[in-house]
Amino acid sequence: MMKRTSRSVVASVLLPYSIAILSTTTGLADQLVLESAKDNTLYEDQSGSLSNGAGVAFFAGVTGQNRITRAVLAFDLSAIPAGSTITSAVLELNQSNTNNISSAAQTLTLHRLLRDWGEGSSNASSGEGGGAQASTGDATWAHTFFNTALWDTVGGDFSGQISATTQVGGNGKYTWGSSQQLVADVQGWIDDPANNFGWVIRGNENSSRTAKRFDSRNTGNAANRPRLTVNFDPPVQQLTEKLHFAQFADGLGLTSAITLVNLSATEPVTGRIEISGDDGTPLSVDLNGEVVPGEQTFSVPPGGSGLFSTDGAGDLQTGGVTVSSDLPLSGVILFSGPGLGVAGVGSSELLGSFLAPMEMDVPGGIRTGIAIINPDPEAKSLLTELRDPEGNLVATGTFGPQGGTQPLPGGGHIATFLDDPQFNFQGSPDLSSFRGILKITASGGQVAATVIRQSSGEFATLPVAEAGAGSAP
């Protein structure tokens, strides 16, 4: 019975105006690949006179001059939205021992830096392992910024906790991560950007000629520059605005077109469309050529509009629609189908009790009914009253699945005519010819509803009225 009545009230339509189809995403995870924002080398030198801020390489380990070196590098994470959850992080460096330092494998460890530091204009010559005279703002063995600020401890202030470890041998690409601590470092910087000072890389500092040379961000080959690949889940946006549509269908040639209009002339609106079936479960439908499991994200430009339309293919599916957004939207669902006229469903406010005009003349082809969506997770019993135009009580009963004996499930939807068995009226009144008011009260909450009307093959939807003070009993 539900298939028959739902099919008679939902279909597709060609809009008489131009409207942009929205691009959508179906998942939350995102990825960002970053080149280092700054990098440098701390060369062991108590006076703090050596650095290599503008060089094409940085070092970690002991050079052929028996000088300890430590690489420092940092990344700008500002493109990752605040509140994101970091799921993985991998650092990639390209080792290029052009100065013929030993290619024997060495263990290199990554540590989180505890102080800010600088990258100046110093530029070492030859293989760059000996460093150059530090310039203003350079990080050195003694200085965070040459020559105005010092490390608390020469050689750099960093955490004793190892963030990641890898073995580095001959020339080529090497990665650190994604370890639990490395992820924690990046997460900490997203949560507190003021403490994003990057990492120091330490090599074998106990033997001569163990230094590893890595391409810096200044190298001419962009593919060899330091890279940090971060995977993250953006924060779940708070979507406080709601539109509820009590009627939707797709299939057997019937299509629905959901039009959304951004009421703001200055701010874009982002949000989510959720479609639930009659039983409250997500309804997978084809929206704009992409099958989505009952949920589609969207963005509407300032003063703009967007359209989600179904293709009408496959078996008939019915349900209700909730649109959640960060700013107010206006919206309508237009539908039609083979042999049916066009009908429009406006968004419905949530009401605990409402009145719906009913007119039944089954022999004359006039039937009126109701479509309801329950947007809450809790099931709701629907109590009914029928009154004639003079206000006299004709019948009472219940309305819902399985002949009105069951409550409407959380997220669930029902759409049917007054003479269908989903209405369970006491006394079985004759509804083949009736004119008056249907009152429905939702126990323990609110629902969204719209009146559906069939007359000689044409269909229309009408708003319901709140059953408040001064209304019908």
Protein backbone atom coordinates (compact mmCIF):
# COMPACT_ATOMS: atom_id res chain seq x y z
CA MET A 1 0.00 0.00 0.00
CA MET A 2 2.80 2.41 0.81
CA LYS A 3 4.38 1.89 -2.60
CA ARG A 4 1.18 2.73 -4.35
CA THR A 5 0.37 5.87 -2.38
CA SER A 6 3.95 7.14 -2.31
CA ARG A 7 4.26 6.68 -6.06
CA SER A 8 1.15 8.78 -6.54
CA VAL A 9 2.70 11.83 -4.87
CA VAL A 10 6.37 12.02 -5.94
CA ALA A 11 8.13 12.60 -9.26
CA SER A 12 10.64 14.68 -11.25
CA VAL A 13 10.53 18.13 -12.81
CA LEU A 14 12.52 20.37 -15.13
CA LEU A 15 13.12 23.66 -13.38
CA PRO A 16 12.20 26.78 -15.36
CA TYR A 17 15.37 28.57 -14.32
CA SER A 18 19.09 27.97 -14.33
CA ILE A 19 20.62 26.44 -11.24
CA ALA A 20 24.11 25.21 -10.46
CA ILE A 21 24.67 21.57 -9.60
CA LEU A 22 26.73 21.38 -6.44
CA SER A 23 30.02 19.57 -6.19
CA THR A 24 30.00 17.17 -3.26
CA THR A 25 32.27 15.06 -1.12
CA THR A 26 31.36 11.74 0.44
CA GLY A 27 34.09 11.29 3.07
CA LEU A 28 35.70 13.21 5.87
CA ALA A 29 39.37 12.24 5.52
CA ASP A 30 41.74 14.67 3.81
CA GLN A 31 45.43 14.79 2.96
CA LEU A 32 47.96 17.61 2.75
CA VAL A 33 51.50 17.39 1.35
CA LEU A 34 53.75 20.23 2.55
CA GLU A 35 57.24 21.39 1.73
CA SER A 36 59.30 22.63 4.65
CA ALA A 37 58.71 26.28 5.56
CA LYS A 38 62.25 26.61 6.89
CA ASP A 39 65.28 24.39 7.47
CA ASN A 40 68.88 24.83 8.60
CA THR A 41 71.88 23.05 10.12
CA LEU A 42 73.27 23.47 13.62
CA TYR A 43 77.08 23.04 13.28
CA GLU A 44 78.93 22.24 16.50
CA ASP A 45 80.68 25.48 17.39
CA GLN A 46 80.61 26.95 20.89
CA SER A 47 80.77 30.52 19.59
CA GLY A 48 77.72 29.92 17.40
CA SER A 49 79.28 31.38 14.27
CA LEU A 50 78.26 28.73 11.71
CA SER A 51 74.99 28.16 9.87
CA ASN A 52 73.56 27.39 6.41
CA GLY A 53 70.13 29.03 6.20
CA ALA A 54 70.10 29.55 2.44
CA GLY A 55 72.04 26.40 1.51
CA VAL A 56 70.69 23.63 -0.68
CA ALA A 57 71.40 20.98 1.97
CA PHE A 58 71.33 20.31 5.71
CA PHE A 59 73.16 17.68 7.76
CA ALA A 60 72.76 15.28 10.69
CA GLY A 61 75.68 13.33 12.20
CA VAL A 62 79.44 13.93 12.36
CA THR A 63 81.18 15.43 9.33
CA GLY A 64 84.64 14.64 7.96
CA GLN A 65 85.92 17.60 10.03
CA ASN A 66 84.73 15.79 13.17
CA ARG A 67 82.04 18.38 13.70
CA ILE A 68 78.61 17.31 15.02
CA THR A 69 75.71 18.56 12.92
CA ARG A 70 72.01 18.56 13.61
CA ALA A 71 69.30 19.37 11.07
CA VAL A 72 66.32 21.54 12.03
CA LEU A 73 63.21 21.92 9.93
CA ALA A 74 59.61 23.06 10.36
CA PHE A 75 56.38 23.04 8.34
CA ASP A 76 53.54 25.53 8.07
CA LEU A 77 50.40 23.62 9.13
CA SER A 78 47.98 26.54 8.88
CA ALA A 79 46.17 24.95 5.92
CA ILE A 80 44.90 22.18 8.21
CA PRO A 81 41.65 23.39 9.84
CA ALA A 82 41.77 23.99 13.57
CA GLY A 83 40.09 21.14 15.41
CA SER A 84 41.15 18.52 12.88
CA THR A 85 42.19 15.06 14.03
CA ILE A 86 45.57 13.93 12.67
CA THR A 87 45.46 10.29 11.59
CA SER A 88 48.96 9.93 10.12
CA ALA A 89 52.08 11.96 9.38
CA VAL A 90 55.15 10.99 7.34
CA LEU A 91 58.32 13.01 6.85
CA GLU A 92 60.25 12.36 3.62
CA LEU A 93 63.82 13.56 2.92
CA ASN A 94 66.17 12.98 0.03
CA GLN A 95 69.72 11.96 1.05
CA SER A 96 72.40 13.21 -1.38
CA ASN A 97 75.95 12.62 -0.18
CA THR A 98 77.65 14.61 -2.92
CA ASN A 99 80.60 15.27 -0.63
CA ASN A 100 81.39 11.53 -0.51
CA ILE A 101 80.74 11.03 3.19
CA SER A 102 80.38 7.33 4.02
CA SER A 103 77.21 5.66 2.71
CA ALA A 104 77.13 3.23 5.65
CA ALA A 105 73.66 3.05 7.20
CA GLN A 106 73.12 5.21 10.26
CA THR A 107 70.19 5.58 12.66
CA LEU A 108 68.63 9.04 12.52
CA THR A 109 66.08 10.15 15.08
CA LEU A 110 63.51 12.91 15.03
CA HIS A 111 62.83 15.05 18.13
CA ARG A 112 60.30 17.82 18.69
CA LEU A 113 61.93 21.24 19.12
CA LEU A 114 60.97 23.30 22.16
CA ARG A 115 62.08 26.75 21.01
CA ASP A 116 61.56 28.81 17.90
CA TRP A 117 64.56 29.33 15.63
CA GLY A 118 65.57 31.08 12.43
CA GLU A 119 66.69 30.63 8.86
CA GLY A 120 68.94 33.42 7.64
CA SER A 121 70.85 34.11 4.45
CA SER A 122 74.03 32.16 5.22
CA ASN A 123 75.05 29.88 2.35
CA ALA A 124 77.86 27.35 2.72
CA SER A 125 80.15 26.55 -0.21
CA SER A 126 81.30 23.28 -1.76
CA GLY A 127 79.54 20.29 -0.17
CA GLU A 128 78.25 22.62 2.61
CA GLY A 129 79.40 20.30 5.41
CA GLY A 130 81.59 23.00 6.90
CA GLY A 131 78.86 25.62 7.15
CA ALA A 132 79.18 29.35 6.55
CA GLN A 133 79.39 32.47 8.67
CA ALA A 134 76.02 32.86 10.37
CA SER A 135 73.88 35.78 9.26
CA THR A 136 71.23 37.76 11.11
CA GLY A 137 68.37 35.50 12.24
CA ASP A 138 70.17 32.21 11.62
CA ALA A 139 69.89 29.26 13.97
CA THR A 140 73.34 28.10 15.15
CA TRP A 141 74.74 25.66 17.70
CA ALA A 142 74.44 28.43 20.31
CA HIS A 143 71.72 30.69 18.93
CA THR A 144 68.04 30.34 18.17
CA PHE A 145 68.39 33.60 16.22
CA PHE A 146 71.89 34.86 15.48
CA ASN A 147 73.07 36.84 17.30
CA THR A 148 70.31 38.06 19.61
CA ALA A 149 68.80 34.92 21.24
CA LEU A 150 70.36 31.75 22.62
CA TRP A 151 69.28 28.17 23.13
CA ASP A 152 68.97 27.20 26.78
CA THR A 153 71.25 24.29 25.90
CA VAL A 154 73.86 24.54 23.16
CA GLY A 155 72.99 22.24 20.28
CA GLY A 156 69.29 23.06 20.51
CA ASP A 157 66.40 22.66 22.93
CA PHE A 158 64.37 19.58 22.04
CA SER A 159 62.35 16.82 23.62
CA GLY A 160 64.17 13.72 24.79
CA GLN A 161 61.27 11.68 23.42
CA ILE A 162 62.07 10.25 19.99
CA SER A 163 59.26 11.08 17.58
CA ALA A 164 60.40 8.74 14.79
CA THR A 165 63.45 6.73 13.71
CA THR A 166 64.79 5.47 10.41
CA GLN A 167 67.94 3.95 8.96
CA VAL A 168 69.65 6.07 6.30
CA GLY A 169 72.24 4.51 4.00
CA GLY A 170 73.08 5.55 0.43
CA ASN A 171 71.50 8.25 -1.64
CA GLY A 172 67.74 8.26 -2.07
CA LYS A 173 64.41 8.97 -0.36
CA TYR A 174 63.87 8.13 3.31
CA THR A 175 60.83 8.46 5.51
CA TRP A 176 60.12 8.94 9.21
CA GLY A 177 56.71 7.92 10.55
CA SER A 178 53.90 7.50 10.88
CA SER A 179 54.62 6.76 14.53
CA GLN A 180 52.29 7.46 17.41
CA GLN A 181 54.62 10.19 18.70
CA LEU A 182 55.04 11.81 15.29
CA VAL A 183 51.28 12.00 14.94
CA ALA A 184 51.08 13.41 18.47
CA ASP A 185 53.61 16.12 17.56
CA VAL A 186 51.58 17.28 14.58
CA GLN A 187 48.32 17.05 16.53
CA GLY A 188 49.85 19.18 19.27
CA TRP A 189 50.83 21.84 16.75
CA ILE A 190 47.33 21.87 15.25
CA ASP A 191 45.85 22.29 18.72
CA ASP A 192 48.47 24.90 19.74
CA PRO A 193 50.04 26.51 16.64
CA ALA A 194 52.18 28.87 18.74
CA ASN A 195 54.34 25.90 19.76
CA ASN A 196 55.01 24.62 16.24
CA PHE A 197 58.82 24.83 16.13
CA GLY A 198 59.35 21.71 14.04
CA TRP A 199 61.89 18.95 14.61
CA VAL A 200 65.60 18.42 15.03
CA ILE A 201 67.18 15.41 13.30
CA ARG A 202 70.03 13.69 15.13
CA GLY A 203 72.35 11.18 13.53
CA ASN A 204 75.27 9.11 14.84
CA GLU A 205 77.17 11.68 16.91
CA ASN A 206 79.80 9.25 18.26
CA SER A 207 81.84 8.44 15.14
CA SER A 208 83.53 10.51 12.47
CA ARG A 209 82.16 10.68 8.92
CA THR A 210 78.65 9.54 9.85
CA ALA A 211 76.87 12.70 8.68
CA LYS A 212 73.99 12.39 6.24
CA ARG A 213 73.35 15.20 3.78
CA PHE A 214 69.75 15.98 2.80
CA ASP A 215 68.36 18.32 0.18
CA SER A 216 66.82 21.44 1.74
CA ARG A 217 63.88 23.49 0.59
CA ASN A 218 66.33 25.60 -1.44
CA THR A 219 67.36 22.77 -3.74
CA GLY A 220 66.55 23.29 -7.40
CA ASN A 221 64.83 19.90 -7.74
CA ALA A 222 61.40 20.38 -6.19
CA ALA A 223 60.84 16.61 -5.99
CA ASN A 224 63.76 16.30 -3.54
CA ARG A 225 62.67 18.99 -1.09
CA PRO A 226 61.59 17.97 2.43
CA ARG A 227 57.99 16.85 2.48
CA LEU A 228 55.52 16.21 5.24
CA THR A 229 52.42 14.23 4.27
CA VAL A 230 49.59 14.64 6.77
CA ASN A 231 46.31 12.74 6.72
CA PHE A 232 43.57 14.21 8.88
CA ASP A 233 39.87 14.26 9.57
CA PRO A 234 38.55 17.84 9.46
CA PRO A 235 36.48 18.94 12.43
CA VAL A 236 32.82 18.04 12.35
CA GLN A 237 31.10 21.28 11.53
CA GLN A 238 28.32 22.43 13.82
CA LEU A 239 25.24 22.51 11.63
CA THR A 240 22.60 24.32 13.65
CA GLU A 241 20.08 25.25 10.94
CA LYS A 242 17.53 22.64 9.86
CA LEU A 243 15.07 22.15 7.02
CA HIS A 244 12.68 19.18 7.14
CA PHE A 245 10.89 17.85 4.08
CA ALA A 246 8.17 15.33 4.82
CA GLN A 247 8.01 13.75 1.37
CA PHE A 248 10.62 12.33 -1.02
CA ALA A 249 10.67 9.49 -3.54
CA ASP A 250 12.87 8.05 -6.25
CA GLY A 251 12.47 5.16 -8.69
CA LEU A 252 10.07 3.71 -11.26
CA GLY A 253 10.48 6.89 -13.29
CA LEU A 254 9.68 9.15 -10.33
CA THR A 255 12.36 11.68 -9.46
CA SER A 256 12.74 14.38 -6.83
CA ALA A 257 14.60 17.67 -7.21
CA ILE A 258 15.81 19.29 -4.00
CA THR A 259 16.51 23.01 -4.50
CA LEU A 260 18.39 24.97 -1.84
CA VAL A 261 18.80 28.76 -1.79
CA ASN A 262 21.42 30.63 0.24
CA LEU A 263 19.71 33.57 1.91
CA SER A 264 23.02 35.31 2.69
CA ALA A 265 24.50 37.66 0.09
CA THR A 266 27.94 37.57 1.72
CA GLU A 267 28.57 34.17 3.30
CA PRO A 268 28.73 30.69 1.71
CA VAL A 269 26.58 28.01 3.30
CA THR A 270 27.84 24.51 3.91
CA GLY A 271 25.76 21.61 5.06
CA ARG A 272 24.50 18.08 4.70
CA ILE A 273 21.46 16.43 3.13
CA GLU A 274 20.21 13.30 4.88
CA ILE A 275 17.56 11.05 3.38
CA SER A 276 15.94 8.38 5.53
CA GLY A 277 13.57 5.64 4.42
CA ASP A 278 10.20 4.70 5.82
CA ASP A 279 11.86 2.59 8.52
CA GLY A 280 14.31 5.34 9.54
CA THR A 281 17.43 3.83 7.97
CA PRO A 282 19.56 5.91 5.55
CA LEU A 283 18.18 5.75 2.02
CA SER A 284 20.78 5.27 -0.73
CA VAL A 285 19.76 7.27 -3.79
CA ASP A 286 21.37 8.65 -6.93
CA LEU A 287 21.91 12.38 -6.40
CA ASN A 288 23.40 14.32 -9.32
CA GLY A 289 24.67 11.09 -10.85
CA GLU A 290 26.38 9.79 -7.71
CA VAL A 291 24.88 7.08 -5.53
CA VAL A 292 25.25 8.14 -1.91
CA PRO A 293 24.15 6.24 1.22
CA GLY A 294 21.53 8.67 2.43
CA GLU A 295 23.91 11.59 3.00
CA GLN A 296 25.45 14.25 0.76
CA THR A 297 27.54 17.26 1.77
CA PHE A 298 27.24 20.53 -0.11
CA SER A 299 28.24 24.17 -0.34
CA VAL A 300 26.14 27.01 -1.74
CA PRO A 301 27.84 30.32 -2.68
CA PRO A 302 26.60 33.66 -1.27
CA GLY A 303 23.21 34.50 -2.73
CA GLY A 304 23.39 31.34 -4.83
CA SER A 305 21.40 28.16 -5.18
CA GLY A 306 22.01 24.48 -5.68
CA LEU A 307 20.13 21.47 -6.95
CA PHE A 308 20.21 17.81 -5.98
CA SER A 309 18.17 15.69 -8.38
CA THR A 310 17.53 11.96 -8.57
CA ASP A 311 17.44 9.88 -11.75
CA GLY A 312 14.24 7.97 -11.05
CA ALA A 313 15.82 4.63 -11.95
CA GLY A 314 15.28 1.37 -10.11
CA ASP A 315 12.68 0.36 -7.55
CA LEU A 316 10.56 2.94 -5.83
CA GLN A 317 12.06 4.34 -2.64
CA THR A 318 10.24 6.73 -0.33
CA GLY A 319 11.41 8.73 2.64
CA GLY A 320 11.93 12.07 4.31
CA VAL A 321 14.71 14.63 3.95
CA THR A 322 16.54 16.70 6.54
CA VAL A 323 18.92 19.46 5.45
CA SER A 324 21.39 20.67 8.10
CA SER A 325 23.48 23.79 7.48
CA ASP A 326 25.68 26.31 9.27
CA LEU A 327 23.59 29.29 8.06
CA PRO A 328 19.89 29.60 7.17
CA LEU A 329 18.72 28.18 3.85
CA SER A 330 15.45 28.16 1.97
CA GLY A 331 14.41 25.05 0.11
CA VAL A 332 11.77 23.14 -1.81
CA ILE A 333 11.35 19.67 -3.33
CA LEU A 334 9.64 19.54 -6.72
CA PHE A 335 8.36 16.23 -8.04
CA SER A 336 6.35 14.69 -10.89
CA GLY A 337 6.28 11.50 -12.85
CA PRO A 338 4.71 9.55 -15.67
CA GLY A 339 1.12 10.71 -15.99
CA LEU A 340 1.39 12.97 -12.94
CA GLY A 341 1.37 16.72 -12.63
CA VAL A 342 4.08 18.73 -10.93
CA ALA A 343 3.91 19.10 -7.15
CA GLY A 344 6.11 20.98 -4.71
CA VAL A 345 6.97 20.17 -1.11
CA GLY A 346 8.13 23.07 1.00
CA SER A 347 10.12 22.57 4.17
CA SER A 348 7.98 21.81 7.20
CA GLU A 349 8.42 23.17 10.69
CA LEU A 350 8.50 20.75 13.60
CA LEU A 351 5.22 20.51 15.48
CA GLY A 352 4.00 18.42 18.36
CA SER A 353 0.39 18.72 17.23
CA PHE A 354 -1.02 20.00 13.97
CA LEU A 355 -4.18 20.32 11.85
CA ALA A 356 -4.50 19.20 8.24
CA PRO A 357 -7.45 19.92 5.91
CA MET A 358 -8.95 16.71 4.52
CA GLU A 359 -11.27 16.22 1.55
CA MET A 360 -12.27 12.77 0.35
CA ASP A 361 -14.42 11.98 -2.68
CA VAL A 362 -13.06 8.63 -3.80
CA PRO A 363 -15.69 8.09 -6.56
CA GLY A 364 -14.89 11.59 -7.84
CA GLY A 365 -11.14 10.99 -7.83
CA ILE A 366 -10.32 13.25 -4.88
CA ARG A 367 -8.17 11.83 -2.08
CA THR A 368 -6.26 13.68 0.63
CA GLY A 369 -3.67 12.38 3.05
CA ILE A 370 -0.58 13.21 5.04
CA ALA A 371 3.21 12.75 4.81
CA ILE A 372 5.23 12.80 8.04
CA ILE A 373 8.92 12.53 8.88
CA ASN A 374 10.20 11.91 12.41
CA PRO A 375 13.65 13.57 12.55
CA ASP A 376 14.38 12.46 16.12
CA PRO A 377 16.08 9.16 16.99
CA GLU A 378 13.21 8.16 19.30
CA ALA A 379 10.04 6.55 17.94
CA LYS A 380 6.80 8.54 18.30
CA SER A 381 3.20 7.39 18.56
CA LEU A 382 0.82 9.41 16.39
CA LEU A 383 -2.66 10.03 17.80
CA THR A 384 -5.46 11.15 15.46
CA GLU A 385 -8.79 12.99 15.62
CA LEU A 386 -11.23 13.62 12.77
CA ARG A 387 -13.66 16.55 12.98
CA ASP A 388 -16.25 17.70 10.51
CA PRO A 389 -16.54 21.34 9.32
CA GLU A 390 -18.77 22.17 12.33
CA GLY A 391 -16.10 20.91 14.74
CA ASN A 392 -17.89 17.73 15.69
CA LEU A 393 -15.69 14.78 16.57
CA VAL A 394 -16.08 12.05 13.94
CA ALA A 395 -13.45 9.53 15.03
CA THR A 396 -10.24 9.04 17.01
CA GLY A 397 -7.42 6.57 16.53
CA THR A 398 -3.76 6.05 15.79
CA PHE A 399 -1.62 6.47 12.70
CA GLY A 400 1.56 4.68 11.72
CA PRO A 401 3.14 1.52 10.32
CA GLN A 402 1.41 -1.86 10.36
CA GLY A 403 -2.12 -0.54 10.30
CA GLY A 404 -1.46 2.20 12.80
CA THR A 405 -0.48 -0.25 15.52
CA GLN A 406 3.19 0.74 15.61
CA PRO A 407 4.86 4.08 16.38
CA LEU A 408 6.77 5.94 13.68
CA PRO A 409 10.44 4.92 14.15
CA GLY A 410 13.22 7.40 14.76
CA GLY A 411 14.18 8.99 11.45
CA GLY A 412 11.20 7.25 9.88
CA HIS A 413 8.71 8.43 7.29
CA ILE A 414 5.14 7.66 6.33
CA ALA A 415 2.99 9.01 3.50
CA THR A 416 -0.53 7.78 2.80
CA PHE A 417 -4.14 8.81 2.16
CA LEU A 418 -6.88 9.09 4.74
CA ASP A 419 -8.67 5.91 3.63
CA ASP A 420 -5.53 3.73 3.68
CA PRO A 421 -5.04 1.16 6.47
CA GLN A 422 -2.15 3.06 8.11
CA PHE A 423 -4.98 5.01 9.76
CA ASN A 424 -6.53 3.01 12.58
CA PHE A 425 -9.77 4.83 13.43
CA GLN A 426 -12.07 3.45 16.10
CA GLY A 427 -15.49 2.60 14.79
CA SER A 428 -14.31 2.34 11.16
CA PRO A 429 -15.97 5.54 9.86
CA ASP A 430 -16.86 5.81 6.17
CA LEU A 431 -14.03 7.88 4.66
CA SER A 432 -14.95 7.52 1.00
CA SER A 433 -16.68 10.88 1.30
CA PHE A 434 -15.40 13.21 4.01
CA ARG A 435 -14.59 16.89 4.44
CA GLY A 436 -13.12 18.35 7.59
CA ILE A 437 -9.98 18.49 9.72
CA LEU A 438 -7.46 15.82 10.69
CA LYS A 439 -5.58 16.52 13.94
CA ILE A 440 -2.39 14.57 14.66
CA THR A 441 -0.48 14.69 17.94
CA ALA A 442 3.03 13.23 18.23
CA SER A 443 3.71 11.75 21.64
CA GLY A 444 6.91 12.92 23.33
CA GLY A 445 8.25 15.21 20.62
CA GLN A 446 7.75 16.87 17.27
CA VAL A 447 7.43 15.81 13.63
CA ALA A 448 7.39 17.54 10.25
CA ALA A 449 4.37 17.06 8.00
CA THR A 450 2.70 18.12 4.75
CA VAL A 451 -0.74 17.45 3.27
CA ILE A 452 -0.84 15.48 0.01
CA ARG A 453 -3.81 15.82 -2.32
CA GLN A 454 -4.79 13.88 -5.44
CA SER A 455 -7.47 15.12 -7.82
CA SER A 456 -8.05 13.65 -11.28
CA GLY A 457 -4.43 12.64 -11.71
CA GLU A 458 -3.02 15.96 -10.50
CA PHE A 459 -1.17 16.20 -7.20
CA ALA A 460 -0.46 19.01 -4.79
CA THR A 461 0.95 19.50 -1.32
CA LEU A 462 -0.45 21.82 1.32
CA PRO A 463 0.98 23.06 4.63
CA VAL A 464 -0.33 21.90 7.96
CA ALA A 465 -1.34 24.31 10.76
CA GLU A 466 -0.12 24.21 14.32
CA ALA A 467 -2.80 23.04 16.74
CA GLY A 468 -2.15 25.78 19.29
CA ALA A 469 -4.30 27.99 21.49
CA GLY A 470 -7.51 29.05 19.79
CA SER A 471 -7.35 26.26 17.20
CA ALA A 472 -9.69 23.32 16.83
CA PRO A 473 -9.93 21.07 19.89
